[in-house]
Every structure is written in C-alpha cells, then in structure tokens.
Amino acid sequence: MTAATPAPLTAETLRIGAHVRHDDPIAAGLERGADLSQFFIGDPQGWKKPVVAYDGGAPALRAAAEEAGIDLYVHAPYVLNVATTNNRIRIPSRKLLQQQMDAAAEVGAKGLIVHGGHVGSDAELETGFDNWRKAVERTDIKVPLLIENTAGGNHAMARQLERIARLWDVISGAEGFDQVGFCLDTCHAFAGGSDLTTVVEQVREITGRIDLVHLNDSRDAFNSGADRHTNLGTGNIDADELAGVVREAGAPVVCETPGGAVEHQADFAWLRARL
C-alpha cells in the first residue's frame, strides 16, 4: 500500500484531547481546553448493549459536541475480541462491535477504536486474521473503524509490525475495508518492542494511514509487553521519540494518561513545548 505522508504536525496545528468520563465528555473536554474527547459508551469490561449516559442521549451529545467544537472518539470495550477462535467470545464480540459502531455513529464520533485482539496459539493465528476479515465484512461500518496496536501477548493480532502487516494483507480484500484505519499507541508500541524512531514510517508503509495517536508514556521497559501508561515525561520513553511520533504521524492525539484535568493539561503543554 502506498503511504500518504501528511505535513508534519506543529504546536499550532495539533488537535489533542484525553480519554475522559463517559457521562459528559464535552464538559471534561472543555475543562481541559481540549480539541477532542475519547470515551467509552457502556461498560469497558462488559457485554451489555451500549447506552449513551449523556443527559438527553446521543442526539444531545452530538449537538453539544458540534457546538463546543470538540471531536468525539469512542473506544470499544476491552472484552471485545473478534479474532478469537472461541465462539463464546467471538460471536458476542461481533454483535457488540456492531452495537458500538451504531452508538458511535449516533453521537457523531470521528472513529471507533478497537484493540487488535488475540488467539490462543500460533496455530490459530491465520484463523484469527481471517476472523478479522469476516468481522470487517459483516459489520455495517458507519464511522472509521480504527484498529489499535497492543502491547503484549505472544498470539496478538496487532503487537508486532509483522503481525499488523499480515492482518492488513488479509483484511484488505474485505468489503468495507476502505473504512478501516489505524490507531497508533506509543506505550503499546514501545512495550511491544517497536522502535519509536521508525514506527510511524513502518506503520504507514503497512496500512497507508495513521488516523489517531494514543500518546502515552510507559511505566515499564522497552519490549516488556506490559500495558501500563503514565504521564508524558514521567516514564521510560525518550521525550524526543514521543514528540517525534506525533510530529511525523500528523494525526489527532489522545492522552490516555492518569489523572484529571490538571494532569492532562500538563501533558498537553509538555507535548506542545516539544513540537
């Protein structure tokens, strides 16, 4: 796939926000001085049909976001795993994916972020990739479906670059693939063993696009496989490398870092000072 390289992002062109509470992502965004808000619709660890908690429901949230100029991104529940060969997880995952997609469209989200998932053994990897193809084909994709790289797991679909490449090879022929994008998480990439100085170029060569950056420092060492985020500049990732990913990706940024408005404002300022 031919990579399209956007203009390098600057402090002036940066659109940044954080993962915030689900009941009022608009107020949380405004409190942080953010351009966007990411949130869950429903329980991130549960299988129930998503319900928009914002007062007035999805139409009110969509209208409020447009009025405030805040872009919305929805993160799918962690339990969702469309790759697995376990029918008791895969089938409910496909159903939940469609429900989350419908809800994301109703609130006017710019994208629905979904983790790549995993299978149980090396022997199941190809089946897992094909299960992703089936999920893409069977989902009515109404907003961009952004597959996110993950930090750990020997049988993960989207940890190593070679796995991401295989996943893209398999799903690229699926109907609806034009609506599939990529979310690059810096903590996951670092903990997963990817070199952050080259990862943007490598991912773009594979996918042709980076739609969103999850900008997180890592509490753990390179290639640890541990998914533990920390605030920017307080972890093990080199500051220049973190800023470099944002600059080169040219995509909106979500900080999934600890704390509330004060801590997130500090993260935003930390990044802007380095662009």
C-alpha atoms as a PDB file:
ATOM      1  CA  MET A   1       0.000   0.000   0.000  1.00  0.00           C
ATOM      2  CA  THR A   2       1.338   3.417  -0.941  1.00  0.00           C
ATOM      3  CA  ALA A   3       1.870   5.557   2.140  1.00  0.00           C
ATOM      4  CA  ALA A   4       0.402   9.043   2.184  1.00  0.00           C
ATOM      5  CA  THR A   5       2.563  11.297   4.317  1.00  0.00           C
ATOM      6  CA  PRO A   6       0.814  14.315   5.850  1.00  0.00           C
ATOM      7  CA  ALA A   7       2.528  17.592   6.615  1.00  0.00           C
ATOM      8  CA  PRO A   8       4.483  17.419   9.904  1.00  0.00           C
ATOM      9  CA  LEU A   9       2.306  18.396  12.824  1.00  0.00           C
ATOM     10  CA  THR A  10       3.160  21.522  14.843  1.00  0.00           C
ATOM     11  CA  ALA A  11       2.052  23.017  18.146  1.00  0.00           C
ATOM     12  CA  GLU A  12      -0.305  25.264  16.194  1.00  0.00           C
ATOM     13  CA  THR A  13      -1.913  22.502  14.108  1.00  0.00           C
ATOM     14  CA  LEU A  14      -2.068  19.908  16.907  1.00  0.00           C
ATOM     15  CA  ARG A  15      -5.520  18.628  17.865  1.00  0.00           C
ATOM     16  CA  ILE A  16      -5.280  16.984  21.261  1.00  0.00           C
ATOM     17  CA  GLY A  17      -7.522  15.618  23.968  1.00  0.00           C
ATOM     18  CA  ALA A  18      -7.787  12.863  26.537  1.00  0.00           C
ATOM     19  CA  HIS A  19      -9.743   9.789  27.480  1.00  0.00           C
ATOM     20  CA  VAL A  20     -12.428  11.173  29.778  1.00  0.00           C
ATOM     21  CA  ARG A  21     -15.519  10.189  31.729  1.00  0.00           C
ATOM     22  CA  HIS A  22     -18.421   8.874  29.699  1.00  0.00           C
ATOM     23  CA  ASP A  23     -21.268  10.829  31.275  1.00  0.00           C
ATOM     24  CA  ASP A  24     -20.130  14.241  29.996  1.00  0.00           C
ATOM     25  CA  PRO A  25     -17.171  14.129  27.588  1.00  0.00           C
ATOM     26  CA  ILE A  26     -17.986  17.681  26.478  1.00  0.00           C
ATOM     27  CA  ALA A  27     -17.603  19.245  29.930  1.00  0.00           C
ATOM     28  CA  ALA A  28     -14.473  17.159  30.504  1.00  0.00           C
ATOM     29  CA  GLY A  29     -13.012  18.327  27.201  1.00  0.00           C
ATOM     30  CA  LEU A  30     -13.779  21.978  27.872  1.00  0.00           C
ATOM     31  CA  GLU A  31     -12.258  21.679  31.354  1.00  0.00           C
ATOM     32  CA  ARG A  32      -9.024  20.501  29.770  1.00  0.00           C
ATOM     33  CA  GLY A  33      -9.018  23.015  26.919  1.00  0.00           C
ATOM     34  CA  ALA A  34      -9.121  20.025  24.569  1.00  0.00           C
ATOM     35  CA  ASP A  35      -9.980  19.742  20.890  1.00  0.00           C
ATOM     36  CA  LEU A  36     -11.354  16.221  21.260  1.00  0.00           C
ATOM     37  CA  SER A  37     -12.559  13.693  23.814  1.00  0.00           C
ATOM     38  CA  GLN A  38     -12.342   9.913  23.820  1.00  0.00           C
ATOM     39  CA  PHE A  39     -14.697   7.895  25.996  1.00  0.00           C
ATOM     40  CA  PHE A  40     -16.436   4.561  26.469  1.00  0.00           C
ATOM     41  CA  ILE A  41     -20.095   4.045  25.685  1.00  0.00           C
ATOM     42  CA  GLY A  42     -21.079   1.463  28.266  1.00  0.00           C
ATOM     43  CA  ASP A  43     -19.008  -0.796  30.489  1.00  0.00           C
ATOM     44  CA  PRO A  44     -15.449  -1.287  29.146  1.00  0.00           C
ATOM     45  CA  GLN A  45     -15.361  -4.717  30.799  1.00  0.00           C
ATOM     46  CA  GLY A  46     -18.901  -5.804  29.968  1.00  0.00           C
ATOM     47  CA  TRP A  47     -21.056  -7.179  27.177  1.00  0.00           C
ATOM     48  CA  LYS A  48     -24.228  -5.156  27.626  1.00  0.00           C
ATOM     49  CA  LYS A  49     -25.642  -3.104  24.778  1.00  0.00           C
ATOM     50  CA  PRO A  50     -24.102   0.394  24.964  1.00  0.00           C
ATOM     51  CA  VAL A  51     -26.238   3.210  26.328  1.00  0.00           C
ATOM     52  CA  VAL A  52     -25.162   6.860  25.986  1.00  0.00           C
ATOM     53  CA  ALA A  53     -25.076   8.268  29.523  1.00  0.00           C
ATOM     54  CA  TYR A  54     -25.080  11.940  28.474  1.00  0.00           C
ATOM     55  CA  ASP A  55     -28.181  13.838  29.571  1.00  0.00           C
ATOM     56  CA  GLY A  56     -30.514  13.809  26.572  1.00  0.00           C
ATOM     57  CA  GLY A  57     -28.813  10.811  24.991  1.00  0.00           C
ATOM     58  CA  ALA A  58     -26.962  10.545  21.696  1.00  0.00           C
ATOM     59  CA  PRO A  59     -28.682  13.436  19.866  1.00  0.00           C
ATOM     60  CA  ALA A  60     -27.929  15.856  22.705  1.00  0.00           C
ATOM     61  CA  LEU A  61     -24.302  14.731  22.927  1.00  0.00           C
ATOM     62  CA  ARG A  62     -23.819  15.103  19.180  1.00  0.00           C
ATOM     63  CA  ALA A  63     -25.289  18.603  19.211  1.00  0.00           C
ATOM     64  CA  ALA A  64     -23.229  19.649  22.238  1.00  0.00           C
ATOM     65  CA  ALA A  65     -20.012  18.382  20.649  1.00  0.00           C
ATOM     66  CA  GLU A  66     -20.702  20.320  17.448  1.00  0.00           C
ATOM     67  CA  GLU A  67     -21.478  23.483  19.404  1.00  0.00           C
ATOM     68  CA  ALA A  68     -18.323  23.149  21.520  1.00  0.00           C
ATOM     69  CA  GLY A  69     -16.112  22.250  18.549  1.00  0.00           C
ATOM     70  CA  ILE A  70     -14.991  19.047  20.258  1.00  0.00           C
ATOM     71  CA  ASP A  71     -14.422  15.926  18.167  1.00  0.00           C
ATOM     72  CA  LEU A  72     -15.577  12.680  19.748  1.00  0.00           C
ATOM     73  CA  TYR A  73     -13.870   9.292  19.599  1.00  0.00           C
ATOM     74  CA  VAL A  74     -15.373   6.129  21.071  1.00  0.00           C
ATOM     75  CA  HIS A  75     -13.216   3.344  22.498  1.00  0.00           C
ATOM     76  CA  ALA A  76     -14.750  -0.117  22.262  1.00  0.00           C
ATOM     77  CA  PRO A  77     -14.859  -2.326  25.384  1.00  0.00           C
ATOM     78  CA  TYR A  78     -11.728  -4.270  26.267  1.00  0.00           C
ATOM     79  CA  VAL A  79     -13.614  -7.590  26.280  1.00  0.00           C
ATOM     80  CA  LEU A  80     -14.264  -7.371  22.543  1.00  0.00           C
ATOM     81  CA  ASN A  81     -12.111  -9.860  20.590  1.00  0.00           C
ATOM     82  CA  VAL A  82     -13.276 -10.607  17.049  1.00  0.00           C
ATOM     83  CA  ALA A  83     -10.106 -12.598  16.266  1.00  0.00           C
ATOM     84  CA  THR A  84     -10.556 -15.422  18.757  1.00  0.00           C
ATOM     85  CA  THR A  85     -11.488 -18.944  17.725  1.00  0.00           C
ATOM     86  CA  ASN A  86     -13.658 -19.238  20.855  1.00  0.00           C
ATOM     87  CA  ASN A  87     -17.242 -18.964  19.603  1.00  0.00           C
ATOM     88  CA  ARG A  88     -18.500 -17.889  23.024  1.00  0.00           C
ATOM     89  CA  ILE A  89     -16.338 -14.764  22.751  1.00  0.00           C
ATOM     90  CA  ARG A  90     -16.106 -14.154  19.000  1.00  0.00           C
ATOM     91  CA  ILE A  91     -19.832 -14.207  18.249  1.00  0.00           C
ATOM     92  CA  PRO A  92     -20.781 -11.830  21.095  1.00  0.00           C
ATOM     93  CA  SER A  93     -17.809  -9.672  20.073  1.00  0.00           C
ATOM     94  CA  ARG A  94     -19.181  -9.241  16.552  1.00  0.00           C
ATOM     95  CA  LYS A  95     -22.577  -8.308  17.959  1.00  0.00           C
ATOM     96  CA  LEU A  96     -21.045  -5.840  20.411  1.00  0.00           C
ATOM     97  CA  LEU A  97     -18.838  -4.358  17.685  1.00  0.00           C
ATOM     98  CA  GLN A  98     -21.925  -3.521  15.613  1.00  0.00           C
ATOM     99  CA  GLN A  99     -23.699  -2.088  18.649  1.00  0.00           C
ATOM    100  CA  GLN A 100     -20.695   0.069  19.471  1.00  0.00           C
ATOM    101  CA  MET A 101     -20.445   1.156  15.839  1.00  0.00           C
ATOM    102  CA  ASP A 102     -24.112   2.155  15.803  1.00  0.00           C
ATOM    103  CA  ALA A 103     -23.721   4.127  19.035  1.00  0.00           C
ATOM    104  CA  ALA A 104     -20.551   5.845  17.789  1.00  0.00           C
ATOM    105  CA  ALA A 105     -22.370   6.924  14.638  1.00  0.00           C
ATOM    106  CA  GLU A 106     -25.310   8.241  16.642  1.00  0.00           C
ATOM    107  CA  VAL A 107     -23.068  10.586  18.656  1.00  0.00           C
ATOM    108  CA  GLY A 108     -21.200  11.695  15.525  1.00  0.00           C
ATOM    109  CA  ALA A 109     -17.882  10.144  16.509  1.00  0.00           C
ATOM    110  CA  LYS A 110     -14.852  10.545  14.260  1.00  0.00           C
ATOM    111  CA  GLY A 111     -13.864   6.950  14.884  1.00  0.00           C
ATOM    112  CA  LEU A 112     -14.382   3.766  16.887  1.00  0.00           C
ATOM    113  CA  ILE A 113     -11.151   2.375  18.362  1.00  0.00           C
ATOM    114  CA  VAL A 114     -10.881  -1.412  18.730  1.00  0.00           C
ATOM    115  CA  HIS A 115      -7.946  -3.437  20.057  1.00  0.00           C
ATOM    116  CA  GLY A 116      -6.490  -5.984  17.652  1.00  0.00           C
ATOM    117  CA  GLY A 117      -7.313  -8.931  19.886  1.00  0.00           C
ATOM    118  CA  HIS A 118      -5.601 -12.304  20.113  1.00  0.00           C
ATOM    119  CA  VAL A 119      -5.888 -16.038  19.617  1.00  0.00           C
ATOM    120  CA  GLY A 120      -4.824 -18.955  21.808  1.00  0.00           C
ATOM    121  CA  SER A 121      -1.846 -20.372  19.914  1.00  0.00           C
ATOM    122  CA  ASP A 122       0.463 -19.915  16.948  1.00  0.00           C
ATOM    123  CA  ALA A 123      -1.598 -22.491  15.081  1.00  0.00           C
ATOM    124  CA  GLU A 124      -4.649 -20.240  15.328  1.00  0.00           C
ATOM    125  CA  LEU A 125      -3.011 -17.047  14.023  1.00  0.00           C
ATOM    126  CA  GLU A 126      -4.184 -17.364  10.421  1.00  0.00           C
ATOM    127  CA  THR A 127      -7.687 -18.155  11.593  1.00  0.00           C
ATOM    128  CA  GLY A 128      -7.542 -15.059  13.772  1.00  0.00           C
ATOM    129  CA  PHE A 129      -6.587 -12.841  10.848  1.00  0.00           C
ATOM    130  CA  ASP A 130      -9.400 -14.340   8.777  1.00  0.00           C
ATOM    131  CA  ASN A 131     -11.844 -13.810  11.629  1.00  0.00           C
ATOM    132  CA  TRP A 132     -10.937 -10.128  11.455  1.00  0.00           C
ATOM    133  CA  ARG A 133     -11.712 -10.173   7.723  1.00  0.00           C
ATOM    134  CA  LYS A 134     -15.123 -11.668   8.423  1.00  0.00           C
ATOM    135  CA  ALA A 135     -15.764  -9.083  11.143  1.00  0.00           C
ATOM    136  CA  VAL A 136     -14.994  -6.235   8.752  1.00  0.00           C
ATOM    137  CA  GLU A 137     -17.255  -7.719   6.080  1.00  0.00           C
ATOM    138  CA  ARG A 138     -20.128  -8.378   8.471  1.00  0.00           C
ATOM    139  CA  THR A 139     -20.055  -5.028  10.244  1.00  0.00           C
ATOM    140  CA  ASP A 140     -22.038  -2.100   8.906  1.00  0.00           C
ATOM    141  CA  ILE A 141     -19.180   0.382   9.283  1.00  0.00           C
ATOM    142  CA  LYS A 142     -20.698   3.821   9.759  1.00  0.00           C
ATOM    143  CA  VAL A 143     -17.669   5.672  11.175  1.00  0.00           C
ATOM    144  CA  PRO A 144     -13.984   4.792  10.701  1.00  0.00           C
ATOM    145  CA  LEU A 145     -13.079   1.544  12.478  1.00  0.00           C
ATOM    146  CA  LEU A 146      -9.623   2.189  13.950  1.00  0.00           C
ATOM    147  CA  ILE A 147      -7.643  -0.924  14.852  1.00  0.00           C
ATOM    148  CA  GLU A 148      -5.178  -0.249  17.677  1.00  0.00           C
ATOM    149  CA  ASN A 149      -1.818  -1.928  18.220  1.00  0.00           C
ATOM    150  CA  THR A 150      -1.411  -3.738  21.529  1.00  0.00           C
ATOM    151  CA  ALA A 151       1.453  -4.120  23.994  1.00  0.00           C
ATOM    152  CA  GLY A 152       1.631  -7.782  24.895  1.00  0.00           C
ATOM    153  CA  GLY A 153       0.621 -11.318  24.063  1.00  0.00           C
ATOM    154  CA  ASN A 154       2.536 -13.892  22.048  1.00  0.00           C
ATOM    155  CA  HIS A 155      -0.544 -14.557  19.931  1.00  0.00           C
ATOM    156  CA  ALA A 156      -1.757 -10.981  19.491  1.00  0.00           C
ATOM    157  CA  MET A 157      -3.038  -9.805  16.119  1.00  0.00           C
ATOM    158  CA  ALA A 158      -1.526  -6.325  16.319  1.00  0.00           C
ATOM    159  CA  ARG A 159       1.534  -6.330  18.581  1.00  0.00           C
ATOM    160  CA  GLN A 160       4.495  -6.792  16.232  1.00  0.00           C
ATOM    161  CA  LEU A 161       4.740  -4.958  12.937  1.00  0.00           C
ATOM    162  CA  GLU A 162       4.849  -8.217  11.013  1.00  0.00           C
ATOM    163  CA  ARG A 163       1.525  -9.240  12.577  1.00  0.00           C
ATOM    164  CA  ILE A 164      -0.029  -5.888  11.693  1.00  0.00           C
ATOM    165  CA  ALA A 165       1.240  -6.382   8.134  1.00  0.00           C
ATOM    166  CA  ARG A 166      -0.346  -9.824   7.927  1.00  0.00           C
ATOM    167  CA  LEU A 167      -3.602  -8.520   9.390  1.00  0.00           C
ATOM    168  CA  TRP A 168      -3.734  -5.753   6.777  1.00  0.00           C
ATOM    169  CA  ASP A 169      -2.941  -8.215   3.992  1.00  0.00           C
ATOM    170  CA  VAL A 170      -5.904 -10.368   4.994  1.00  0.00           C
ATOM    171  CA  ILE A 171      -8.495  -7.663   5.655  1.00  0.00           C
ATOM    172  CA  SER A 172      -7.541  -5.506   2.661  1.00  0.00           C
ATOM    173  CA  GLY A 173      -9.791  -7.562   0.400  1.00  0.00           C
ATOM    174  CA  ALA A 174     -12.814  -7.276   2.662  1.00  0.00           C
ATOM    175  CA  GLU A 175     -15.864  -5.242   1.713  1.00  0.00           C
ATOM    176  CA  GLY A 176     -15.831  -2.154   3.929  1.00  0.00           C
ATOM    177  CA  PHE A 177     -12.027  -2.107   4.233  1.00  0.00           C
ATOM    178  CA  ASP A 178     -11.906   1.490   2.976  1.00  0.00           C
ATOM    179  CA  GLN A 179     -13.441   2.480   6.321  1.00  0.00           C
ATOM    180  CA  VAL A 180     -10.767   0.668   8.376  1.00  0.00           C
ATOM    181  CA  GLY A 181      -7.982   2.821   9.803  1.00  0.00           C
ATOM    182  CA  PHE A 182      -5.204   2.608  12.368  1.00  0.00           C
ATOM    183  CA  CYS A 183      -4.674   3.954  15.890  1.00  0.00           C
ATOM    184  CA  LEU A 184      -1.023   4.003  16.984  1.00  0.00           C
ATOM    185  CA  ASP A 185      -0.458   3.764  20.740  1.00  0.00           C
ATOM    186  CA  THR A 186       3.056   4.828  21.781  1.00  0.00           C
ATOM    187  CA  CYS A 187       3.121   2.922  25.081  1.00  0.00           C
ATOM    188  CA  HIS A 188       1.883  -0.225  23.353  1.00  0.00           C
ATOM    189  CA  ALA A 189       4.427   0.136  20.547  1.00  0.00           C
ATOM    190  CA  PHE A 190       7.318   0.719  22.982  1.00  0.00           C
ATOM    191  CA  ALA A 191       6.282  -2.112  25.319  1.00  0.00           C
ATOM    192  CA  GLY A 192       5.624  -4.302  22.292  1.00  0.00           C
ATOM    193  CA  GLY A 193       9.168  -3.937  21.013  1.00  0.00           C
ATOM    194  CA  SER A 194       8.796  -1.398  18.192  1.00  0.00           C
ATOM    195  CA  ASP A 195      11.380   1.335  17.642  1.00  0.00           C
ATOM    196  CA  LEU A 196       9.527   4.638  18.011  1.00  0.00           C
ATOM    197  CA  THR A 197      12.022   6.437  15.791  1.00  0.00           C
ATOM    198  CA  THR A 198      10.849   4.384  12.794  1.00  0.00           C
ATOM    199  CA  VAL A 199       7.418   3.073  13.778  1.00  0.00           C
ATOM    200  CA  VAL A 200       5.370   5.818  12.092  1.00  0.00           C
ATOM    201  CA  GLU A 201       7.043   5.225   8.739  1.00  0.00           C
ATOM    202  CA  GLN A 202       6.766   1.453   9.131  1.00  0.00           C
ATOM    203  CA  VAL A 203       3.093   1.516  10.119  1.00  0.00           C
ATOM    204  CA  ARG A 204       2.262   3.886   7.276  1.00  0.00           C
ATOM    205  CA  GLU A 205       4.041   1.589   4.813  1.00  0.00           C
ATOM    206  CA  ILE A 206       1.818  -1.244   6.029  1.00  0.00           C
ATOM    207  CA  THR A 207      -1.533   0.491   6.452  1.00  0.00           C
ATOM    208  CA  GLY A 208      -1.192   3.598   4.317  1.00  0.00           C
ATOM    209  CA  ARG A 209      -2.597   5.691   7.157  1.00  0.00           C
ATOM    210  CA  ILE A 210      -2.479   6.655  10.812  1.00  0.00           C
ATOM    211  CA  ASP A 211      -5.808   8.129  11.873  1.00  0.00           C
ATOM    212  CA  LEU A 212      -5.187   8.670  15.591  1.00  0.00           C
ATOM    213  CA  VAL A 213      -2.288   8.599  18.058  1.00  0.00           C
ATOM    214  CA  HIS A 214      -2.730   7.394  21.618  1.00  0.00           C
ATOM    215  CA  LEU A 215       0.113   9.312  23.222  1.00  0.00           C
ATOM    216  CA  ASN A 216       1.154   7.585  26.421  1.00  0.00           C
ATOM    217  CA  ASP A 217       4.445   7.229  28.251  1.00  0.00           C
ATOM    218  CA  SER A 218       5.340   3.776  29.598  1.00  0.00           C
ATOM    219  CA  ARG A 219       5.899   2.780  33.209  1.00  0.00           C
ATOM    220  CA  ASP A 220       7.780  -0.290  32.006  1.00  0.00           C
ATOM    221  CA  ALA A 221      10.843  -1.042  29.925  1.00  0.00           C
ATOM    222  CA  PHE A 222      11.150  -1.443  26.166  1.00  0.00           C
ATOM    223  CA  ASN A 223       9.717  -4.752  24.888  1.00  0.00           C
ATOM    224  CA  SER A 224       8.320  -5.568  28.348  1.00  0.00           C
ATOM    225  CA  GLY A 225       4.907  -6.492  26.955  1.00  0.00           C
ATOM    226  CA  ALA A 226       3.344  -4.525  29.829  1.00  0.00           C
ATOM    227  CA  ASP A 227       0.491  -2.113  29.108  1.00  0.00           C
ATOM    228  CA  ARG A 228       0.929   0.454  31.882  1.00  0.00           C
ATOM    229  CA  HIS A 229       0.531   4.081  30.846  1.00  0.00           C
ATOM    230  CA  THR A 230       1.984   7.050  32.674  1.00  0.00           C
ATOM    231  CA  ASN A 231       2.041  10.796  32.121  1.00  0.00           C
ATOM    232  CA  LEU A 232       4.248  12.268  29.437  1.00  0.00           C
ATOM    233  CA  GLY A 233       7.848  12.730  30.519  1.00  0.00           C
ATOM    234  CA  THR A 234       7.490  10.569  33.633  1.00  0.00           C
ATOM    235  CA  GLY A 235       8.094   7.137  32.124  1.00  0.00           C
ATOM    236  CA  ASN A 236      10.694   5.209  30.164  1.00  0.00           C
ATOM    237  CA  ILE A 237      10.095   6.577  26.662  1.00  0.00           C
ATOM    238  CA  ASP A 238      12.510   9.213  25.375  1.00  0.00           C
ATOM    239  CA  ALA A 239      10.829  12.630  25.178  1.00  0.00           C
ATOM    240  CA  ASP A 240      12.104  13.337  21.673  1.00  0.00           C
ATOM    241  CA  GLU A 241      10.772   9.992  20.465  1.00  0.00           C
ATOM    242  CA  LEU A 242       7.293  10.670  21.860  1.00  0.00           C
ATOM    243  CA  ALA A 243       7.161  14.104  20.248  1.00  0.00           C
ATOM    244  CA  GLY A 244       8.599  12.681  17.051  1.00  0.00           C
ATOM    245  CA  VAL A 245       5.775  10.160  16.701  1.00  0.00           C
ATOM    246  CA  VAL A 246       3.191  12.941  16.962  1.00  0.00           C
ATOM    247  CA  ARG A 247       5.067  15.225  14.583  1.00  0.00           C
ATOM    248  CA  GLU A 248       5.502  12.524  11.935  1.00  0.00           C
ATOM    249  CA  ALA A 249       2.067  10.918  12.238  1.00  0.00           C
ATOM    250  CA  GLY A 250       0.261  14.202  11.646  1.00  0.00           C
ATOM    251  CA  ALA A 251      -2.870  12.787  13.305  1.00  0.00           C
ATOM    252  CA  PRO A 252      -5.078  13.875  16.231  1.00  0.00           C
ATOM    253  CA  VAL A 253      -3.770  12.887  19.660  1.00  0.00           C
ATOM    254  CA  VAL A 254      -5.491  11.296  22.662  1.00  0.00           C
ATOM    255  CA  CYS A 255      -3.680  11.126  26.001  1.00  0.00           C
ATOM    256  CA  GLU A 256      -4.787   8.036  27.921  1.00  0.00           C
ATOM    257  CA  THR A 257      -2.714   9.089  30.904  1.00  0.00           C
ATOM    258  CA  PRO A 258      -3.538   9.071  34.626  1.00  0.00           C
ATOM    259  CA  GLY A 259      -5.204  11.920  36.462  1.00  0.00           C
ATOM    260  CA  GLY A 260      -7.805  14.555  35.759  1.00  0.00           C
ATOM    261  CA  ALA A 261      -7.929  17.934  34.066  1.00  0.00           C
ATOM    262  CA  VAL A 262      -4.796  19.324  35.720  1.00  0.00           C
ATOM    263  CA  GLU A 263      -2.653  16.338  34.803  1.00  0.00           C
ATOM    264  CA  HIS A 264      -3.956  16.250  31.246  1.00  0.00           C
ATOM    265  CA  GLN A 265      -3.389  19.976  30.774  1.00  0.00           C
ATOM    266  CA  ALA A 266       0.211  19.364  31.869  1.00  0.00           C
ATOM    267  CA  ASP A 267       0.509  16.552  29.309  1.00  0.00           C
ATOM    268  CA  PHE A 268      -0.832  18.829  26.557  1.00  0.00           C
ATOM    269  CA  ALA A 269       1.621  21.587  27.499  1.00  0.00           C
ATOM    270  CA  TRP A 270       4.505  19.105  27.686  1.00  0.00           C
ATOM    271  CA  LEU A 271       3.822  17.988  24.123  1.00  0.00           C
ATOM    272  CA  ARG A 272       3.223  21.430  22.649  1.00  0.00           C
ATOM    273  CA  ALA A 273       6.548  22.632  24.063  1.00  0.00           C
ATOM    274  CA  ARG A 274       8.319  19.886  22.103  1.00  0.00           C
ATOM    275  CA  LEU A 275       6.683  20.197  18.694  1.00  0.00           C
END
